[in-house]
Amino acid sequence: MHSITKRTAVLSAATAAVALIGAGCTHATKGTAGQTASSPTTSAVATGTSATAPTSTQIAGANGTEYTVEGPILAKYLSLDAARRKALGAPTGNEDKHPDGGGFQEFDGGAICVHGTGAYVILGKIRDKWNALGGMDGKLGFPTGDEDTHPDGGGFQEFDGGAICSHGAGTYVVWGQIRDKWNALGGMDGKLGFPTSDETDTPDGGKQATFEHGTITWKPGDAQATVVYS
């Protein structure tokens, strides 16, 4: 009789443990279901875990077509503040991959370009100038930072091969030794101010760019460019 009673107690304890485990599983399932039900429904389809930012999503363009935005480009897009995201606008196509592993994606008001050193936004007139010069396949190559805006409304952005500066008078490229000299003198905040022309050829085979308050000239063989203030 003592043996039967003992066996019955063990069986009852085991049954209670199973019931507790079952209750715990049921609670976890309800929590997951509740979390899923509370997620907002949007037109974008995102992939990734709930604990991390999505790695891919679909964003509708102005034409109603949904385009994939993913990886570092999506991470950059999500990092933008409301004003810059509004300026960038909606995508106009999927990412354009580059043979070296980089890529870029066009939006209504700009582009996001990604390569080994990071992901950067190119907006408005600077984007248009960059595209006109061949984009990431052109002489300027990839951007090396986001646009540096100026208090007067102008802006400046560095690329592998040069810089693009945009202000009220226009959007111009500054290259090579002329770019280096301009930067050394303070760039758009320096005495020369903004560029007022693209680089042009001089009769003696050199290069020249004009600025608000002077010119910078460089000739092959010169260690550095020459500045003449106006």
Protein backbone atom coordinates (compact mmCIF):
# COMPACT_ATOMS: atom_id res chain seq x y z
CA MET A 1 0.00 0.00 0.00
CA HIS A 2 2.86 2.40 0.86
CA SER A 3 4.45 1.63 -2.55
CA ILE A 4 1.20 2.37 -4.42
CA THR A 5 0.71 5.66 -2.58
CA LYS A 6 4.29 6.72 -3.34
CA ARG A 7 3.89 5.85 -7.05
CA THR A 8 0.63 7.82 -7.21
CA ALA A 9 2.36 10.91 -5.71
CA VAL A 10 5.16 10.74 -8.29
CA LEU A 11 2.62 10.43 -11.12
CA SER A 12 0.68 13.44 -9.80
CA ALA A 13 3.87 15.54 -9.61
CA ALA A 14 4.80 14.63 -13.19
CA THR A 15 1.32 15.54 -14.39
CA ALA A 16 1.55 18.92 -12.66
CA ALA A 17 4.97 19.63 -14.26
CA VAL A 18 3.60 18.85 -17.73
CA ALA A 19 0.69 21.17 -17.07
CA LEU A 20 3.06 23.97 -16.01
CA ILE A 21 5.22 23.53 -19.13
CA GLY A 22 2.14 23.55 -21.30
CA ALA A 23 0.91 26.73 -19.65
CA GLY A 24 4.30 28.37 -20.19
CA CYS A 25 4.31 27.50 -23.91
CA THR A 26 0.77 28.77 -24.29
CA HIS A 27 1.77 32.11 -22.65
CA ALA A 28 4.78 32.56 -24.97
CA THR A 29 2.65 31.82 -28.03
CA LYS A 30 0.06 34.38 -26.98
CA GLY A 31 2.80 36.98 -26.46
CA THR A 32 4.18 36.40 -29.97
CA ALA A 33 0.75 36.49 -31.53
CA GLY A 34 -0.08 39.70 -29.70
CA GLN A 35 3.16 41.30 -30.89
CA THR A 36 2.47 40.35 -34.51
CA ALA A 37 -1.09 41.62 -34.34
CA SER A 38 0.07 44.99 -33.02
CA SER A 39 2.55 45.62 -35.90
CA PRO A 40 1.31 48.35 -38.26
CA THR A 41 0.28 47.33 -41.75
CA THR A 42 2.00 49.27 -44.54
CA SER A 43 2.53 48.90 -48.27
CA ALA A 44 6.22 48.13 -47.61
CA VAL A 45 7.32 44.51 -47.12
CA ALA A 46 10.33 44.38 -44.79
CA THR A 47 12.59 41.45 -43.98
CA GLY A 48 14.67 41.07 -40.83
CA THR A 49 14.06 40.18 -37.19
CA SER A 50 11.95 42.26 -34.85
CA ALA A 51 15.06 42.97 -32.73
CA THR A 52 16.99 44.58 -35.58
CA ALA A 53 16.36 47.09 -38.34
CA PRO A 54 14.98 45.59 -41.58
CA THR A 55 17.57 44.62 -44.19
CA SER A 56 15.21 44.97 -47.15
CA THR A 57 11.94 46.73 -47.87
CA GLN A 58 9.68 47.73 -50.73
CA ILE A 59 9.01 51.46 -51.21
CA ALA A 60 6.52 52.74 -53.77
CA GLY A 61 7.82 55.25 -56.29
CA ALA A 62 5.85 58.25 -57.54
CA ASN A 63 4.63 56.09 -60.44
CA GLY A 64 3.17 53.52 -58.04
CA THR A 65 5.81 50.88 -58.80
CA GLU A 66 7.40 49.31 -55.73
CA TYR A 67 11.18 49.17 -55.67
CA THR A 68 13.48 47.20 -53.38
CA VAL A 69 15.65 49.24 -51.02
CA GLU A 70 18.06 47.08 -49.08
CA GLY A 71 21.34 46.65 -47.21
CA PRO A 72 23.57 49.69 -46.58
CA ILE A 73 21.38 51.87 -48.82
CA LEU A 74 18.32 51.10 -46.69
CA ALA A 75 20.34 51.69 -43.51
CA LYS A 76 21.39 55.12 -44.82
CA TYR A 77 17.82 55.93 -45.86
CA LEU A 78 16.51 55.07 -42.40
CA SER A 79 19.22 57.17 -40.73
CA LEU A 80 18.14 60.39 -42.50
CA ASP A 81 16.16 63.00 -40.64
CA ALA A 82 12.69 63.92 -41.87
CA ALA A 83 13.87 66.94 -43.90
CA ARG A 84 16.58 65.05 -45.80
CA ARG A 85 14.33 62.06 -46.40
CA LYS A 86 11.70 64.41 -47.83
CA ALA A 87 14.33 66.04 -50.07
CA LEU A 88 15.46 62.60 -51.27
CA GLY A 89 11.92 61.53 -52.13
CA ALA A 90 10.81 58.12 -53.40
CA PRO A 91 12.97 55.65 -55.34
CA THR A 92 12.81 55.70 -59.14
CA GLY A 93 14.38 52.27 -59.63
CA ASN A 94 16.22 49.44 -57.91
CA GLU A 95 19.88 49.60 -56.91
CA ASP A 96 22.42 49.83 -59.73
CA LYS A 97 25.27 47.51 -58.76
CA HIS A 98 28.88 48.44 -59.55
CA PRO A 99 31.52 45.86 -60.62
CA ASP A 100 33.74 46.76 -57.63
CA GLY A 101 30.98 45.84 -55.18
CA GLY A 102 29.56 49.32 -54.66
CA GLY A 103 26.24 50.55 -55.95
CA PHE A 104 23.81 53.43 -56.05
CA GLN A 105 20.09 53.97 -56.11
CA GLU A 106 18.26 56.92 -57.63
CA PHE A 107 15.41 58.72 -55.88
CA ASP A 108 13.22 61.60 -57.06
CA GLY A 109 15.42 64.25 -55.45
CA GLY A 110 18.80 62.57 -55.19
CA ALA A 111 20.66 59.29 -54.88
CA ILE A 112 22.27 57.08 -52.23
CA CYS A 113 25.68 55.74 -53.20
CA VAL A 114 27.45 52.96 -51.30
CA HIS A 115 31.01 51.64 -51.60
CA GLY A 116 33.87 50.46 -49.41
CA THR A 117 34.14 53.61 -47.30
CA GLY A 118 30.47 54.11 -46.56
CA ALA A 119 27.03 55.12 -47.84
CA TYR A 120 26.35 58.75 -48.78
CA VAL A 121 23.46 60.86 -50.05
CA ILE A 122 23.81 63.07 -53.14
CA LEU A 123 20.98 65.59 -53.49
CA GLY A 124 19.51 67.96 -56.04
CA LYS A 125 21.81 69.94 -58.31
CA ILE A 126 24.93 68.21 -57.02
CA ARG A 127 23.39 64.84 -57.98
CA ASP A 128 22.47 66.21 -61.42
CA LYS A 129 26.02 67.48 -62.02
CA TRP A 130 27.52 64.20 -60.83
CA ASN A 131 25.24 62.20 -63.15
CA ALA A 132 26.06 64.50 -66.10
CA LEU A 133 29.75 63.71 -65.55
CA GLY A 134 29.23 59.95 -65.55
CA GLY A 135 28.19 59.28 -61.95
CA MET A 136 30.23 56.64 -60.15
CA ASP A 137 31.73 55.53 -63.50
CA GLY A 138 32.91 59.06 -64.32
CA LYS A 139 36.05 60.99 -63.37
CA LEU A 140 34.59 62.09 -60.04
CA GLY A 141 33.95 58.52 -58.93
CA PHE A 142 32.27 57.80 -55.60
CA PRO A 143 31.36 60.41 -52.97
CA THR A 144 33.58 60.41 -49.88
CA GLY A 145 31.07 62.13 -47.61
CA ASP A 146 27.62 63.67 -47.46
CA GLU A 147 27.00 67.22 -48.66
CA ASP A 148 28.43 70.01 -46.50
CA THR A 149 25.75 72.70 -46.49
CA HIS A 150 26.54 76.40 -46.23
CA PRO A 151 24.55 78.93 -44.15
CA ASP A 152 23.66 80.92 -47.30
CA GLY A 153 21.95 77.89 -48.83
CA GLY A 154 24.82 76.62 -50.96
CA GLY A 155 26.46 73.23 -50.60
CA PHE A 156 29.65 71.32 -51.31
CA GLN A 157 30.39 67.61 -51.65
CA GLU A 158 33.69 65.75 -51.99
CA PHE A 159 34.22 62.80 -54.36
CA ASP A 160 37.19 60.54 -55.08
CA GLY A 161 38.29 62.67 -58.04
CA GLY A 162 37.13 66.18 -57.14
CA ALA A 163 34.37 68.22 -55.56
CA ILE A 164 31.03 69.70 -56.64
CA CYS A 165 29.96 73.05 -55.24
CA SER A 166 26.44 74.41 -55.71
CA HIS A 167 25.19 77.91 -54.85
CA GLY A 168 23.01 80.68 -56.29
CA ALA A 169 25.23 81.31 -59.31
CA GLY A 170 25.42 77.69 -60.43
CA THR A 171 26.85 74.23 -59.80
CA TYR A 172 30.52 73.67 -60.61
CA VAL A 173 33.26 71.06 -60.33
CA VAL A 174 36.67 71.70 -58.78
CA TRP A 175 39.35 69.12 -59.66
CA GLY A 176 42.85 68.01 -58.70
CA GLN A 177 45.46 70.56 -57.73
CA ILE A 178 42.96 73.40 -58.06
CA ARG A 179 40.59 71.63 -55.65
CA ASP A 180 43.47 70.97 -53.24
CA LYS A 181 44.51 74.64 -53.26
CA TRP A 182 40.95 75.88 -52.81
CA ASN A 183 40.41 73.51 -49.87
CA ALA A 184 43.72 74.59 -48.30
CA LEU A 185 42.50 78.20 -48.43
CA GLY A 186 39.23 77.41 -46.68
CA GLY A 187 37.06 76.22 -49.54
CA MET A 188 33.70 77.94 -49.85
CA ASP A 189 34.26 79.55 -46.43
CA GLY A 190 37.63 80.97 -47.44
CA LYS A 191 38.65 84.25 -49.08
CA LEU A 192 38.06 82.93 -52.61
CA GLY A 193 34.45 81.98 -51.89
CA PHE A 194 32.38 79.81 -54.24
CA PRO A 195 33.52 78.74 -57.72
CA THR A 196 31.92 80.66 -60.59
CA SER A 197 32.95 78.31 -63.40
CA ASP A 198 34.01 74.78 -64.12
CA GLU A 199 37.69 74.21 -64.76
CA THR A 200 38.79 75.44 -68.20
CA ASP A 201 41.90 74.95 -70.33
CA THR A 202 44.44 77.77 -70.68
CA PRO A 203 46.45 78.51 -73.87
CA ASP A 204 49.66 77.19 -72.29
CA GLY A 205 48.16 73.80 -71.49
CA GLY A 206 47.19 74.58 -67.93
CA LYS A 207 43.89 74.54 -66.07
CA GLN A 208 42.03 77.43 -64.51
CA ALA A 209 38.92 77.90 -62.37
CA THR A 210 37.33 81.19 -61.40
CA PHE A 211 35.89 81.99 -57.98
CA GLU A 212 33.92 84.85 -56.48
CA HIS A 213 37.10 86.60 -55.41
CA GLY A 214 39.86 85.33 -57.65
CA THR A 215 41.23 82.55 -59.85
CA ILE A 216 43.28 79.42 -59.34
CA THR A 217 45.56 78.25 -62.14
CA TRP A 218 47.66 75.11 -62.46
CA LYS A 219 50.08 73.95 -65.15
CA PRO A 220 51.51 70.45 -65.63
CA GLY A 221 54.79 70.23 -63.76
CA ASP A 222 53.81 72.78 -61.12
CA ALA A 223 54.06 71.48 -57.56
CA GLN A 224 50.93 73.42 -56.63
CA ALA A 225 48.35 75.71 -58.12
CA THR A 226 48.68 79.52 -58.20
CA VAL A 227 46.11 81.89 -56.71
CA VAL A 228 45.34 85.40 -57.96
CA TYR A 229 42.83 87.35 -55.86
CA SER A 230 40.50 89.88 -57.45
